Every structure is written in C-alpha cells, then in structure tokens.
Amino acid sequence: MSESSTTVNGPDFSRGDGLVPAIAQDSQSGEILMMAYMNAESYAETLATGRAVYFSRSRKKLWRKGEESGNVQLVKSIHVDCDQDTLLLKVEQIGGAACHEGYRSCFFRRVTPEGLLVEGQRVFDPAKVYGKK
C-alpha cells in the first residue's frame, strides 16, 4: 500500500501564536532563499494567488513578497512537515533577490572563526529600491 495520500489538513496554525515558519527554496537550484512566517490568512492568499504572501511580525500585517521591490515569488509547490507546523515553499524567484538587503538569498553570511563572512554579491541597492538609507 502506498504511503502517498491526499488529506484536507494543511498547516496547524493553532500553535506559535497562529504563525508557522515558511522556508522559501528555489524550485530549480534548491538554494534556500529565505525564512518568514505565515498565518492562516497569508497561507490562504498564497494558495489562491500562486504568489508568496507572508505575515510580517514587525509590521503586524500581511507581507506580499515583492510588493515594494518587485522581487516576487511564484509558488511552484508547498510542502508541510510531519508535525504540520512548518512550510517549505518551492518558488521561482522573480527579480533575482529574495533578501531585503539586496542579496539573492537571506543566508548570504557564513559563520567563521573570525566572524561573519559575506558570500555573494548584492543584486540591488536596498536604499534605491526602498528609498531608505
């Protein structure tokens, strides 16, 4: 008998103040692009639109990825972990950068004995894109 089955159960938003971690991964390369949070509303909008929508904990509102920068994420598939409390979104990153600091991935710093080492190059200047200094 196959382990594969379809259920109507999605992520469990009952824990973690209604938020679940959502990891965005490039659907082609497998590169981890970022980690954010989703609530039931952002998850529903993501399913409905096919574009990644997260919940901003700092702004306390929905964050439609790319609404300011144009660097949107087209969702190719969504996976739920075994505890149903973490999501993995396999996405097509439009615009070249997932990180608000202008890098392709938010994980552009590697820990070394000497401290953090920046790996990679900026795709865009955040001051120009977001109008902040």
C-alpha atoms as a PDB file:
ATOM      1  CA  MET A   1       0.000   0.000   0.000  1.00  0.00           C
ATOM      2  CA  SER A   2       1.302   3.441  -0.924  1.00  0.00           C
ATOM      3  CA  GLU A   3       2.274   5.981   1.717  1.00  0.00           C
ATOM      4  CA  SER A   4       1.053   8.727  -0.602  1.00  0.00           C
ATOM      5  CA  SER A   5      -2.358  10.158   0.188  1.00  0.00           C
ATOM      6  CA  THR A   6      -4.200  13.433  -0.037  1.00  0.00           C
ATOM      7  CA  THR A   7      -5.765  15.000   3.029  1.00  0.00           C
ATOM      8  CA  VAL A   8      -7.571  18.260   3.551  1.00  0.00           C
ATOM      9  CA  ASN A   9      -5.375  19.049   6.525  1.00  0.00           C
ATOM     10  CA  GLY A  10      -2.884  21.818   5.939  1.00  0.00           C
ATOM     11  CA  PRO A  11      -0.566  23.530   8.361  1.00  0.00           C
ATOM     12  CA  ASP A  12      -1.504  23.663  12.034  1.00  0.00           C
ATOM     13  CA  PHE A  13      -1.863  27.336  12.934  1.00  0.00           C
ATOM     14  CA  SER A  14      -3.044  26.554  16.475  1.00  0.00           C
ATOM     15  CA  ARG A  15       0.486  26.766  17.894  1.00  0.00           C
ATOM     16  CA  GLY A  16       3.041  29.570  17.785  1.00  0.00           C
ATOM     17  CA  ASP A  17       0.563  32.433  18.116  1.00  0.00           C
ATOM     18  CA  GLY A  18      -1.049  31.396  14.843  1.00  0.00           C
ATOM     19  CA  LEU A  19       2.209  31.571  12.873  1.00  0.00           C
ATOM     20  CA  VAL A  20       4.224  28.831  11.199  1.00  0.00           C
ATOM     21  CA  PRO A  21       7.739  29.162   9.754  1.00  0.00           C
ATOM     22  CA  ALA A  22       7.786  29.177   5.958  1.00  0.00           C
ATOM     23  CA  ILE A  23      11.041  28.404   4.173  1.00  0.00           C
ATOM     24  CA  ALA A  24      11.356  29.601   0.561  1.00  0.00           C
ATOM     25  CA  GLN A  25      13.555  27.440  -1.643  1.00  0.00           C
ATOM     26  CA  ASP A  26      14.438  27.984  -5.300  1.00  0.00           C
ATOM     27  CA  SER A  27      12.461  25.327  -7.160  1.00  0.00           C
ATOM     28  CA  GLN A  28      15.212  24.828  -9.753  1.00  0.00           C
ATOM     29  CA  SER A  29      18.521  25.095  -7.870  1.00  0.00           C
ATOM     30  CA  GLY A  30      17.374  24.027  -4.401  1.00  0.00           C
ATOM     31  CA  GLU A  31      19.015  27.127  -2.868  1.00  0.00           C
ATOM     32  CA  ILE A  32      17.363  28.267   0.378  1.00  0.00           C
ATOM     33  CA  LEU A  33      16.289  31.847  -0.230  1.00  0.00           C
ATOM     34  CA  MET A  34      14.654  32.963   2.993  1.00  0.00           C
ATOM     35  CA  MET A  35      12.568  32.092   6.028  1.00  0.00           C
ATOM     36  CA  ALA A  36       9.500  34.022   7.070  1.00  0.00           C
ATOM     37  CA  TYR A  37       6.201  33.292   8.804  1.00  0.00           C
ATOM     38  CA  MET A  38       2.710  32.585   7.548  1.00  0.00           C
ATOM     39  CA  ASN A  39      -0.625  32.800   9.288  1.00  0.00           C
ATOM     40  CA  ALA A  40      -3.867  31.257   8.048  1.00  0.00           C
ATOM     41  CA  GLU A  41      -4.747  34.373   6.049  1.00  0.00           C
ATOM     42  CA  SER A  42      -1.374  34.634   4.263  1.00  0.00           C
ATOM     43  CA  TYR A  43      -1.439  30.889   3.560  1.00  0.00           C
ATOM     44  CA  ALA A  44      -4.936  31.140   2.047  1.00  0.00           C
ATOM     45  CA  GLU A  45      -3.922  34.091  -0.143  1.00  0.00           C
ATOM     46  CA  THR A  46      -0.790  32.243  -1.273  1.00  0.00           C
ATOM     47  CA  LEU A  47      -2.928  29.254  -2.294  1.00  0.00           C
ATOM     48  CA  ALA A  48      -5.420  31.492  -4.082  1.00  0.00           C
ATOM     49  CA  THR A  49      -2.913  33.650  -5.984  1.00  0.00           C
ATOM     50  CA  GLY A  50       0.110  31.383  -6.520  1.00  0.00           C
ATOM     51  CA  ARG A  51       2.351  34.161  -5.184  1.00  0.00           C
ATOM     52  CA  ALA A  52       4.082  34.010  -1.805  1.00  0.00           C
ATOM     53  CA  VAL A  53       2.377  36.019   0.921  1.00  0.00           C
ATOM     54  CA  TYR A  54       3.842  36.051   4.410  1.00  0.00           C
ATOM     55  CA  PHE A  55       2.927  37.630   7.742  1.00  0.00           C
ATOM     56  CA  SER A  56       5.288  40.372   8.916  1.00  0.00           C
ATOM     57  CA  ARG A  57       5.778  40.078  12.655  1.00  0.00           C
ATOM     58  CA  SER A  58       7.353  43.537  12.884  1.00  0.00           C
ATOM     59  CA  ARG A  59       4.602  45.292  10.889  1.00  0.00           C
ATOM     60  CA  LYS A  60       1.813  43.005  12.178  1.00  0.00           C
ATOM     61  CA  LYS A  61       0.273  42.657   8.715  1.00  0.00           C
ATOM     62  CA  LEU A  62       0.355  40.592   5.545  1.00  0.00           C
ATOM     63  CA  TRP A  63       3.512  40.950   3.508  1.00  0.00           C
ATOM     64  CA  ARG A  64       3.010  40.268  -0.174  1.00  0.00           C
ATOM     65  CA  LYS A  65       6.551  39.335  -1.191  1.00  0.00           C
ATOM     66  CA  GLY A  66       7.801  41.843  -3.730  1.00  0.00           C
ATOM     67  CA  GLU A  67       5.083  44.451  -3.176  1.00  0.00           C
ATOM     68  CA  GLU A  68       7.744  47.156  -2.829  1.00  0.00           C
ATOM     69  CA  SER A  69      10.776  45.664  -4.558  1.00  0.00           C
ATOM     70  CA  GLY A  70       9.136  43.784  -7.427  1.00  0.00           C
ATOM     71  CA  ASN A  71      11.048  40.648  -6.336  1.00  0.00           C
ATOM     72  CA  VAL A  72       8.020  38.360  -6.159  1.00  0.00           C
ATOM     73  CA  GLN A  73       7.970  34.623  -5.562  1.00  0.00           C
ATOM     74  CA  LEU A  74       5.838  32.427  -7.791  1.00  0.00           C
ATOM     75  CA  VAL A  75       4.939  29.329  -5.812  1.00  0.00           C
ATOM     76  CA  LYS A  76       5.571  26.055  -7.631  1.00  0.00           C
ATOM     77  CA  SER A  77       4.714  23.736  -4.730  1.00  0.00           C
ATOM     78  CA  ILE A  78       4.080  23.819  -0.999  1.00  0.00           C
ATOM     79  CA  HIS A  79       5.192  21.094   1.396  1.00  0.00           C
ATOM     80  CA  VAL A  80       4.162  20.629   5.038  1.00  0.00           C
ATOM     81  CA  ASP A  81       6.457  18.935   7.559  1.00  0.00           C
ATOM     82  CA  CYS A  82       5.490  15.883   9.625  1.00  0.00           C
ATOM     83  CA  ASP A  83       4.215  17.963  12.572  1.00  0.00           C
ATOM     84  CA  GLN A  84       2.290  20.252  10.211  1.00  0.00           C
ATOM     85  CA  ASP A  85       3.920  23.298  11.807  1.00  0.00           C
ATOM     86  CA  THR A  86       6.481  24.295   9.168  1.00  0.00           C
ATOM     87  CA  LEU A  87       6.075  25.012   5.465  1.00  0.00           C
ATOM     88  CA  LEU A  88       8.509  24.666   2.592  1.00  0.00           C
ATOM     89  CA  LEU A  89       7.628  26.746  -0.453  1.00  0.00           C
ATOM     90  CA  LYS A  90       9.402  25.853  -3.667  1.00  0.00           C
ATOM     91  CA  VAL A  91       9.377  29.082  -5.633  1.00  0.00           C
ATOM     92  CA  GLU A  92      10.523  30.814  -8.757  1.00  0.00           C
ATOM     93  CA  GLN A  93      12.236  33.975  -7.536  1.00  0.00           C
ATOM     94  CA  ILE A  94      11.389  36.835  -9.893  1.00  0.00           C
ATOM     95  CA  GLY A  95      13.752  39.829  -9.857  1.00  0.00           C
ATOM     96  CA  GLY A  96      16.851  37.980  -8.723  1.00  0.00           C
ATOM     97  CA  ALA A  97      16.792  38.748  -4.976  1.00  0.00           C
ATOM     98  CA  ALA A  98      14.785  37.351  -2.089  1.00  0.00           C
ATOM     99  CA  CYS A  99      16.593  39.354   0.596  1.00  0.00           C
ATOM    100  CA  HIS A 100      15.582  42.902   1.553  1.00  0.00           C
ATOM    101  CA  GLU A 101      19.299  43.676   1.852  1.00  0.00           C
ATOM    102  CA  GLY A 102      19.636  43.092  -1.892  1.00  0.00           C
ATOM    103  CA  TYR A 103      21.123  39.583  -1.939  1.00  0.00           C
ATOM    104  CA  ARG A 104      19.664  36.605  -3.783  1.00  0.00           C
ATOM    105  CA  SER A 105      19.362  34.669  -0.510  1.00  0.00           C
ATOM    106  CA  CYS A 106      18.885  35.960   3.025  1.00  0.00           C
ATOM    107  CA  PHE A 107      21.571  33.447   4.010  1.00  0.00           C
ATOM    108  CA  PHE A 108      24.453  35.400   2.480  1.00  0.00           C
ATOM    109  CA  ARG A 109      26.640  35.362   5.616  1.00  0.00           C
ATOM    110  CA  ARG A 110      28.654  32.340   6.719  1.00  0.00           C
ATOM    111  CA  VAL A 111      29.870  31.894  10.292  1.00  0.00           C
ATOM    112  CA  THR A 112      33.662  31.572  10.500  1.00  0.00           C
ATOM    113  CA  PRO A 113      36.082  31.590  13.478  1.00  0.00           C
ATOM    114  CA  GLU A 114      36.885  35.210  12.554  1.00  0.00           C
ATOM    115  CA  GLY A 115      33.221  36.266  12.433  1.00  0.00           C
ATOM    116  CA  LEU A 116      30.611  36.546   9.709  1.00  0.00           C
ATOM    117  CA  LEU A 117      31.842  36.299   6.132  1.00  0.00           C
ATOM    118  CA  VAL A 118      29.660  37.822   3.406  1.00  0.00           C
ATOM    119  CA  GLU A 119      29.306  35.451   0.480  1.00  0.00           C
ATOM    120  CA  GLY A 120      27.736  36.558  -2.745  1.00  0.00           C
ATOM    121  CA  GLN A 121      27.064  39.941  -4.248  1.00  0.00           C
ATOM    122  CA  ARG A 122      24.162  42.302  -3.968  1.00  0.00           C
ATOM    123  CA  VAL A 123      21.634  42.089  -6.763  1.00  0.00           C
ATOM    124  CA  PHE A 124      20.181  45.516  -5.950  1.00  0.00           C
ATOM    125  CA  ASP A 125      20.825  48.517  -3.721  1.00  0.00           C
ATOM    126  CA  PRO A 126      18.165  48.494  -0.979  1.00  0.00           C
ATOM    127  CA  ALA A 127      18.417  52.275  -0.476  1.00  0.00           C
ATOM    128  CA  LYS A 128      17.347  52.823  -4.088  1.00  0.00           C
ATOM    129  CA  VAL A 129      14.627  50.167  -4.059  1.00  0.00           C
ATOM    130  CA  TYR A 130      13.078  51.005  -0.698  1.00  0.00           C
ATOM    131  CA  GLY A 131      14.029  54.682  -0.529  1.00  0.00           C
ATOM    132  CA  LYS A 132      15.733  54.243   2.844  1.00  0.00           C
ATOM    133  CA  LYS A 133      19.260  54.994   3.923  1.00  0.00           C
END
